[in-house]
N, C-alpha and C. Protein backbone atom coordinates (compact mmCIF):
# COMPACT_ATOMS: atom_id res chain seq x y z
N MET A 1 0.88 -1.12 0.08
CA MET A 1 -0.10 0.09 0.24
C MET A 1 1.03 1.15 0.21
N LYS A 2 0.41 2.03 -1.04
CA LYS A 2 1.54 3.40 -0.94
C LYS A 2 0.90 4.42 0.15
N LYS A 3 1.83 4.87 0.90
CA LYS A 3 1.60 5.86 1.91
C LYS A 3 1.10 7.25 1.39
N THR A 4 -0.03 7.66 2.11
CA THR A 4 -0.47 9.06 1.73
C THR A 4 0.67 9.88 2.10
N LEU A 5 0.58 11.16 1.83
CA LEU A 5 1.38 12.11 2.30
C LEU A 5 1.50 12.42 3.62
N GLY A 6 0.33 12.44 4.12
CA GLY A 6 -0.16 12.78 5.66
C GLY A 6 0.81 11.50 6.49
N MET A 7 0.72 10.32 5.88
CA MET A 7 1.15 8.96 6.59
C MET A 7 2.67 9.30 6.80
N LEU A 8 3.36 9.53 5.48
CA LEU A 8 4.72 10.10 5.48
C LEU A 8 5.07 11.08 6.27
N ILE A 9 4.55 12.20 6.26
CA ILE A 9 4.71 13.29 7.57
C ILE A 9 4.69 12.93 8.85
N SER A 10 3.56 11.96 9.24
CA SER A 10 3.40 11.70 10.54
C SER A 10 4.40 10.69 10.70
N GLU A 11 4.92 9.78 10.07
CA GLU A 11 5.87 8.72 10.31
C GLU A 11 7.16 9.20 10.53
N THR A 12 7.37 10.22 9.38
CA THR A 12 9.00 10.70 9.30
C THR A 12 8.99 11.62 10.37
N ARG A 13 7.84 12.30 10.83
CA ARG A 13 8.26 13.37 12.26
C ARG A 13 8.58 12.71 13.08
N LYS A 14 7.71 11.60 13.64
CA LYS A 14 7.76 10.58 14.80
C LYS A 14 9.24 10.13 14.92
N GLN A 15 9.79 9.57 13.98
CA GLN A 15 10.86 9.04 13.70
C GLN A 15 12.07 9.88 14.02
N LYS A 16 11.67 11.41 13.77
CA LYS A 16 13.14 12.47 14.11
C LYS A 16 12.56 12.79 15.53
N GLY A 17 11.72 12.06 16.36
CA GLY A 17 11.34 12.65 17.76
C GLY A 17 10.78 13.80 18.11
N MET A 18 10.02 14.44 16.91
CA MET A 18 9.50 15.86 16.79
C MET A 18 8.12 15.74 16.93
N THR A 19 7.64 16.96 17.75
CA THR A 19 6.12 16.67 18.09
C THR A 19 5.64 17.49 16.85
N GLN A 20 4.04 17.61 16.77
CA GLN A 20 3.56 18.24 15.66
C GLN A 20 3.89 19.77 15.73
N LEU A 21 3.97 20.20 17.13
CA LEU A 21 4.00 21.76 17.54
C LEU A 21 5.45 22.02 16.93
N GLU A 22 6.58 21.20 17.33
CA GLU A 22 7.84 21.47 16.68
C GLU A 22 7.90 21.66 15.19
N LEU A 23 7.14 20.67 14.56
CA LEU A 23 7.15 20.85 13.25
C LEU A 23 6.58 21.92 12.68
N ALA A 24 5.27 22.18 13.45
CA ALA A 24 4.69 23.53 12.96
C ALA A 24 5.48 24.79 13.03
N GLU A 25 6.12 24.95 14.20
CA GLU A 25 7.18 26.11 14.45
C GLU A 25 8.16 26.10 13.36
N LYS A 26 8.65 25.21 12.96
CA LYS A 26 9.67 24.94 11.84
C LYS A 26 9.10 25.52 10.63
N MET A 27 7.67 25.13 10.44
CA MET A 27 7.20 25.36 9.09
C MET A 27 6.38 26.61 9.06
N GLY A 28 5.94 27.52 10.16
CA GLY A 28 5.70 28.79 10.37
C GLY A 28 4.21 28.50 10.14
N VAL A 29 3.43 27.14 10.77
CA VAL A 29 2.12 27.10 10.68
C VAL A 29 1.83 26.65 12.06
N THR A 30 0.37 26.44 12.40
CA THR A 30 -0.21 25.82 13.46
C THR A 30 -0.12 24.20 13.63
N ASP A 31 -0.08 24.03 14.68
CA ASP A 31 0.17 22.62 15.15
C ASP A 31 -1.01 21.75 14.61
N LYS A 32 -2.21 22.71 14.73
CA LYS A 32 -3.47 22.08 14.06
C LYS A 32 -3.41 21.82 12.52
N ALA A 33 -2.62 22.62 11.92
CA ALA A 33 -2.41 22.63 10.42
C ALA A 33 -1.72 21.19 10.06
N VAL A 34 -0.76 20.74 10.80
CA VAL A 34 0.25 19.90 10.63
C VAL A 34 -0.80 18.55 11.16
N SER A 35 -1.79 18.75 12.23
CA SER A 35 -2.61 17.80 12.49
C SER A 35 -3.53 17.23 11.39
N LYS A 36 -3.80 18.30 10.52
CA LYS A 36 -4.85 18.04 9.34
C LYS A 36 -4.14 17.45 8.28
N TRP A 37 -2.75 17.92 7.95
CA TRP A 37 -1.72 17.24 7.37
C TRP A 37 -1.75 15.75 7.41
N GLU A 38 -1.54 15.32 8.56
CA GLU A 38 -1.04 14.16 9.11
C GLU A 38 -2.56 13.12 8.84
N ARG A 39 -3.70 13.93 8.93
CA ARG A 39 -4.76 13.04 8.83
C ARG A 39 -5.45 13.13 7.59
N ASP A 40 -4.53 13.52 6.45
CA ASP A 40 -5.05 13.82 5.13
C ASP A 40 -6.34 14.58 4.70
N LEU A 41 -6.46 15.53 5.88
CA LEU A 41 -7.72 16.33 5.83
C LEU A 41 -7.35 17.69 4.77
N SER A 42 -5.99 17.84 4.83
CA SER A 42 -5.56 19.10 4.14
C SER A 42 -4.09 18.75 3.70
N CYS A 43 -3.34 19.69 2.83
CA CYS A 43 -2.35 19.28 2.21
C CYS A 43 -1.52 20.51 2.62
N PRO A 44 -0.04 20.56 2.52
CA PRO A 44 0.71 21.80 3.04
C PRO A 44 0.55 22.47 1.50
N ASP A 45 0.80 23.80 1.62
CA ASP A 45 0.73 24.71 0.51
C ASP A 45 2.04 24.28 -0.48
N VAL A 46 1.83 24.28 -1.43
CA VAL A 46 2.86 23.94 -2.75
C VAL A 46 4.28 24.41 -2.36
N SER A 47 4.14 25.80 -2.29
CA SER A 47 5.05 26.41 -1.84
C SER A 47 6.14 26.13 -0.54
N SER A 48 5.54 25.51 0.09
CA SER A 48 6.03 24.88 1.44
C SER A 48 6.50 23.68 1.34
N LEU A 49 6.49 23.01 0.38
CA LEU A 49 6.95 21.63 0.11
C LEU A 49 8.46 21.35 0.23
N PRO A 50 9.20 22.29 -0.41
CA PRO A 50 10.84 22.20 -0.08
C PRO A 50 10.95 22.65 1.20
N THR A 51 10.75 23.25 2.02
CA THR A 51 10.73 23.41 3.41
C THR A 51 10.40 22.22 3.98
N LEU A 52 9.27 21.67 4.00
CA LEU A 52 8.87 20.61 4.73
C LEU A 52 9.70 19.23 4.54
N ALA A 53 10.30 19.07 2.94
CA ALA A 53 11.15 18.11 2.84
C ALA A 53 12.52 18.40 3.53
N GLN A 54 12.75 19.60 3.89
CA GLN A 54 14.23 19.75 4.05
C GLN A 54 14.37 19.42 5.93
N VAL A 55 13.18 19.92 6.13
CA VAL A 55 12.56 19.74 7.95
C VAL A 55 12.59 18.17 8.16
N LEU A 56 12.03 17.50 7.50
CA LEU A 56 11.84 16.04 7.53
C LEU A 56 13.10 15.20 7.04
N ASP A 57 13.74 15.88 6.31
CA ASP A 57 15.29 15.34 5.69
C ASP A 57 14.93 14.16 4.79
N LEU A 58 14.03 14.61 3.81
CA LEU A 58 13.64 13.71 2.73
C LEU A 58 13.59 14.64 1.50
N SER A 59 13.80 13.90 0.42
CA SER A 59 13.98 14.58 -1.02
C SER A 59 12.57 15.11 -1.18
N LEU A 60 12.51 16.27 -2.40
CA LEU A 60 11.18 16.66 -2.26
C LEU A 60 10.48 15.42 -3.27
N ASP A 61 11.06 14.60 -3.89
CA ASP A 61 10.42 13.63 -4.81
C ASP A 61 10.03 12.54 -3.76
N GLU A 62 10.78 12.29 -2.39
CA GLU A 62 10.14 11.31 -1.68
C GLU A 62 9.02 11.77 -1.17
N LEU A 63 8.84 13.17 -0.70
CA LEU A 63 7.82 13.41 -0.01
C LEU A 63 6.60 13.75 -1.12
N ILE A 64 6.78 14.16 -2.16
CA ILE A 64 5.82 13.96 -3.15
C ILE A 64 5.11 12.70 -3.54
N GLN A 65 6.01 11.62 -3.61
CA GLN A 65 5.63 10.39 -3.94
C GLN A 65 5.08 9.56 -2.90
N GLY A 66 5.19 9.94 -1.70
CA GLY A 66 4.93 9.52 -0.49
C GLY A 66 5.52 8.27 0.15
N LYS A 67 6.87 8.20 -0.25
CA LYS A 67 7.63 7.44 0.19
C LYS A 67 8.85 7.69 0.55
N SER A 68 9.57 7.10 1.54
CA SER A 68 10.83 7.39 2.02
C SER A 68 11.95 6.41 1.61
N GLU A 69 12.92 6.73 0.77
CA GLU A 69 14.01 6.15 0.25
C GLU A 69 14.60 5.05 1.23
N LYS A 70 14.70 5.82 2.47
CA LYS A 70 15.46 5.05 3.67
C LYS A 70 14.51 3.81 3.99
N SER A 71 13.27 3.86 3.89
CA SER A 71 12.17 2.92 4.40
C SER A 71 12.19 1.86 3.26
N GLU A 72 12.48 2.22 2.15
CA GLU A 72 12.28 1.27 0.89
C GLU A 72 13.80 0.53 0.82
N THR A 73 14.74 1.20 1.17
CA THR A 73 16.06 0.23 1.23
C THR A 73 16.05 -0.65 2.27
N GLY A 74 15.32 0.04 3.62
CA GLY A 74 15.32 -1.07 4.82
C GLY A 74 14.30 -2.06 4.43
N ASN A 75 13.18 -2.10 3.38
CA ASN A 75 12.42 -3.22 3.14
C ASN A 75 13.05 -4.13 2.15
N LYS A 76 13.88 -3.65 1.16
CA LYS A 76 14.54 -4.59 0.45
C LYS A 76 15.72 -5.21 1.11
N ILE A 77 16.42 -4.88 2.36
CA ILE A 77 17.35 -5.65 2.89
C ILE A 77 16.36 -6.69 3.70
N ALA A 78 15.66 -6.21 4.44
CA ALA A 78 14.58 -7.10 5.03
C ALA A 78 14.11 -8.39 4.19
N SER A 79 13.90 -7.93 2.95
CA SER A 79 13.26 -9.08 1.98
C SER A 79 14.42 -10.05 1.40
N LEU A 80 15.65 -9.26 1.46
CA LEU A 80 16.86 -10.04 1.12
C LEU A 80 17.29 -11.05 2.16
N VAL A 81 17.16 -10.64 3.50
CA VAL A 81 17.66 -11.33 4.46
C VAL A 81 16.35 -12.67 4.83
N GLY A 82 15.30 -12.32 4.57
CA GLY A 82 14.29 -13.36 4.53
C GLY A 82 14.57 -14.55 3.55
N THR A 83 14.77 -13.90 2.40
CA THR A 83 15.00 -15.08 1.11
C THR A 83 16.33 -15.71 1.45
N ILE A 84 17.46 -15.11 2.17
CA ILE A 84 18.68 -16.03 2.50
C ILE A 84 18.22 -16.98 3.60
N LEU A 85 17.25 -16.81 4.69
CA LEU A 85 17.01 -17.50 5.78
C LEU A 85 16.39 -18.57 5.20
N LYS A 86 15.28 -18.50 4.34
CA LYS A 86 14.44 -19.43 3.75
C LYS A 86 15.31 -20.30 2.71
N GLY A 87 16.42 -19.85 2.03
CA GLY A 87 17.36 -20.62 1.29
C GLY A 87 18.12 -21.62 2.02
N VAL A 88 18.52 -21.03 2.96
CA VAL A 88 19.43 -21.96 3.81
C VAL A 88 18.67 -23.07 4.55
N ALA A 89 17.24 -22.66 5.20
CA ALA A 89 16.56 -23.83 5.50
C ALA A 89 16.12 -24.90 4.39
N LEU A 90 16.03 -24.40 3.35
CA LEU A 90 15.56 -25.29 2.32
C LEU A 90 16.75 -26.12 1.79
N ALA A 91 18.16 -25.48 1.60
CA ALA A 91 19.33 -26.23 1.31
C ALA A 91 19.69 -27.22 2.37
N MET A 92 19.35 -26.60 3.56
CA MET A 92 19.78 -28.04 4.86
C MET A 92 18.61 -29.05 4.41
N GLY A 93 17.46 -28.99 4.41
CA GLY A 93 16.42 -30.00 4.14
C GLY A 93 16.92 -30.69 3.01
N VAL A 94 16.97 -30.28 1.97
CA VAL A 94 17.51 -31.02 0.84
C VAL A 94 18.88 -31.89 0.90
N ALA A 95 19.86 -30.93 1.61
CA ALA A 95 21.18 -31.64 1.61
C ALA A 95 20.79 -32.87 2.60
N VAL A 96 20.31 -32.82 3.88
CA VAL A 96 19.95 -34.13 4.52
C VAL A 96 19.23 -34.99 3.66
N ALA A 97 18.18 -34.87 3.15
CA ALA A 97 17.28 -35.68 2.30
C ALA A 97 18.32 -36.48 1.43
N VAL A 98 18.95 -35.81 0.55
CA VAL A 98 19.93 -36.31 -0.48
C VAL A 98 20.87 -37.24 0.37
N LEU A 99 21.49 -36.87 0.96
CA LEU A 99 22.82 -37.62 1.67
C LEU A 99 21.96 -38.88 2.28
N SER A 100 20.93 -38.57 3.10
CA SER A 100 20.30 -39.66 3.58
C SER A 100 19.94 -40.99 2.49
N VAL A 101 19.22 -40.39 1.42
CA VAL A 101 19.22 -41.48 0.15
C VAL A 101 20.31 -42.13 -0.12
N LEU A 102 21.41 -41.44 -0.09
CA LEU A 102 22.71 -41.85 -0.31
C LEU A 102 23.48 -42.90 0.83
N ASN A 103 23.01 -42.82 1.74
CA ASN A 103 23.61 -43.29 3.08
C ASN A 103 24.95 -42.73 3.24
N ALA A 104 24.98 -41.46 3.00
CA ALA A 104 26.42 -40.78 3.34
C ALA A 104 26.10 -39.90 4.54
N ILE A 105 25.01 -40.06 5.38
CA ILE A 105 24.82 -39.11 6.65
C ILE A 105 24.40 -39.95 7.61
N THR A 106 24.78 -39.73 8.73
CA THR A 106 24.02 -40.71 10.00
C THR A 106 23.07 -39.77 10.63
N PRO A 107 22.33 -40.22 11.42
CA PRO A 107 21.17 -39.36 11.99
C PRO A 107 21.96 -38.12 13.06
N GLN A 108 23.02 -38.59 13.61
CA GLN A 108 23.55 -37.56 14.48
C GLN A 108 24.26 -36.58 13.88
N GLN A 109 24.77 -36.73 12.19
CA GLN A 109 25.03 -35.87 11.56
C GLN A 109 23.84 -34.81 10.91
N ALA A 110 22.82 -35.62 10.77
CA ALA A 110 21.89 -34.64 10.02
C ALA A 110 20.97 -33.83 11.03
N LEU A 111 20.94 -34.13 12.35
CA LEU A 111 20.09 -33.31 13.26
C LEU A 111 20.81 -32.05 13.30
N PRO A 112 21.98 -31.74 13.39
CA PRO A 112 22.63 -30.14 13.25
C PRO A 112 22.03 -29.57 12.21
N MET A 113 22.19 -29.96 10.93
CA MET A 113 21.82 -29.67 9.72
C MET A 113 20.20 -29.05 9.74
N LEU A 114 19.54 -29.97 9.88
CA LEU A 114 17.98 -29.85 10.42
C LEU A 114 17.91 -28.65 11.47
N GLY A 115 18.60 -28.73 12.28
CA GLY A 115 18.39 -27.82 13.45
C GLY A 115 18.71 -26.37 12.90
N LEU A 116 19.64 -26.19 12.01
CA LEU A 116 20.12 -25.10 11.31
C LEU A 116 18.99 -24.43 10.63
N GLY A 117 18.50 -25.58 9.77
CA GLY A 117 17.29 -24.98 8.77
C GLY A 117 15.86 -24.74 9.56
N LEU A 118 15.80 -25.24 10.79
CA LEU A 118 14.35 -24.70 11.64
C LEU A 118 15.08 -23.47 12.12
N ALA A 119 15.96 -23.45 12.77
CA ALA A 119 16.52 -22.14 13.33
C ALA A 119 16.40 -20.91 12.14
N CYS A 120 16.65 -21.06 11.06
CA CYS A 120 16.42 -19.99 10.12
C CYS A 120 15.11 -19.79 9.80
N LEU A 121 14.29 -20.82 9.79
CA LEU A 121 12.89 -20.63 9.50
C LEU A 121 12.26 -19.97 10.79
N ALA A 122 12.52 -20.19 12.03
CA ALA A 122 12.10 -19.43 12.90
C ALA A 122 12.49 -17.86 13.13
N VAL A 123 13.81 -17.84 12.76
CA VAL A 123 13.97 -16.28 12.54
C VAL A 123 13.60 -15.64 11.75
N HIS A 124 13.11 -16.37 10.62
CA HIS A 124 12.41 -15.67 9.62
C HIS A 124 10.92 -15.42 9.84
N ALA A 125 10.32 -16.45 10.47
CA ALA A 125 9.07 -16.13 11.32
C ALA A 125 8.89 -15.03 12.13
N MET A 126 9.79 -14.66 13.00
CA MET A 126 9.96 -13.72 13.97
C MET A 126 10.07 -12.35 13.23
N GLU A 127 10.75 -12.27 12.04
CA GLU A 127 10.89 -11.15 11.36
C GLU A 127 9.52 -10.75 10.54
N ASP A 128 8.93 -11.87 10.39
CA ASP A 128 7.43 -11.30 9.61
C ASP A 128 6.59 -10.61 10.69
N ARG A 129 6.87 -10.99 11.85
CA ARG A 129 6.05 -10.45 13.01
C ARG A 129 6.34 -9.25 13.30
N SER A 130 7.58 -8.80 13.19
CA SER A 130 8.06 -7.28 13.70
C SER A 130 7.55 -6.29 12.76
C-alpha cells in the first residue's frame, strides 16, 4: 500500500522525535495545520513543500511520491535477509534428504543440519511479525 502524504509526514516526524508543534514552528504554521496534514484532511501549501522536505530530511521526490527511500532500502534488505534465511533452511532440508538417500549421513550428523534449517525458519517467522 502506498503511503499518503499525511502518513509519510506523521511517520517521518515521529522517527525524528519531533512533535506536531515543533514541526509547525519550523514550518511557520499551527500545530492544528500539521495535524490536518497528517490526517490527510488538508495538504501543505505547494510553496512550502521544499521546506517541509528539508525539515523532514527527505527529498522533494520522496515527499511528493509518499515514500521514503530510507524505508524502501530497509524493506529491500529485510526481503533479502528473509530470502537468504528461507534458502538456508531449504538447502539444509535438501542436503539431509539427498545424503540420507545416498547413505552418506548418519542421524547424528543430520540433526544439526536440520536444526540450522529450523532455526533459520524461526528467525524468518519472527521477522515477519515485527
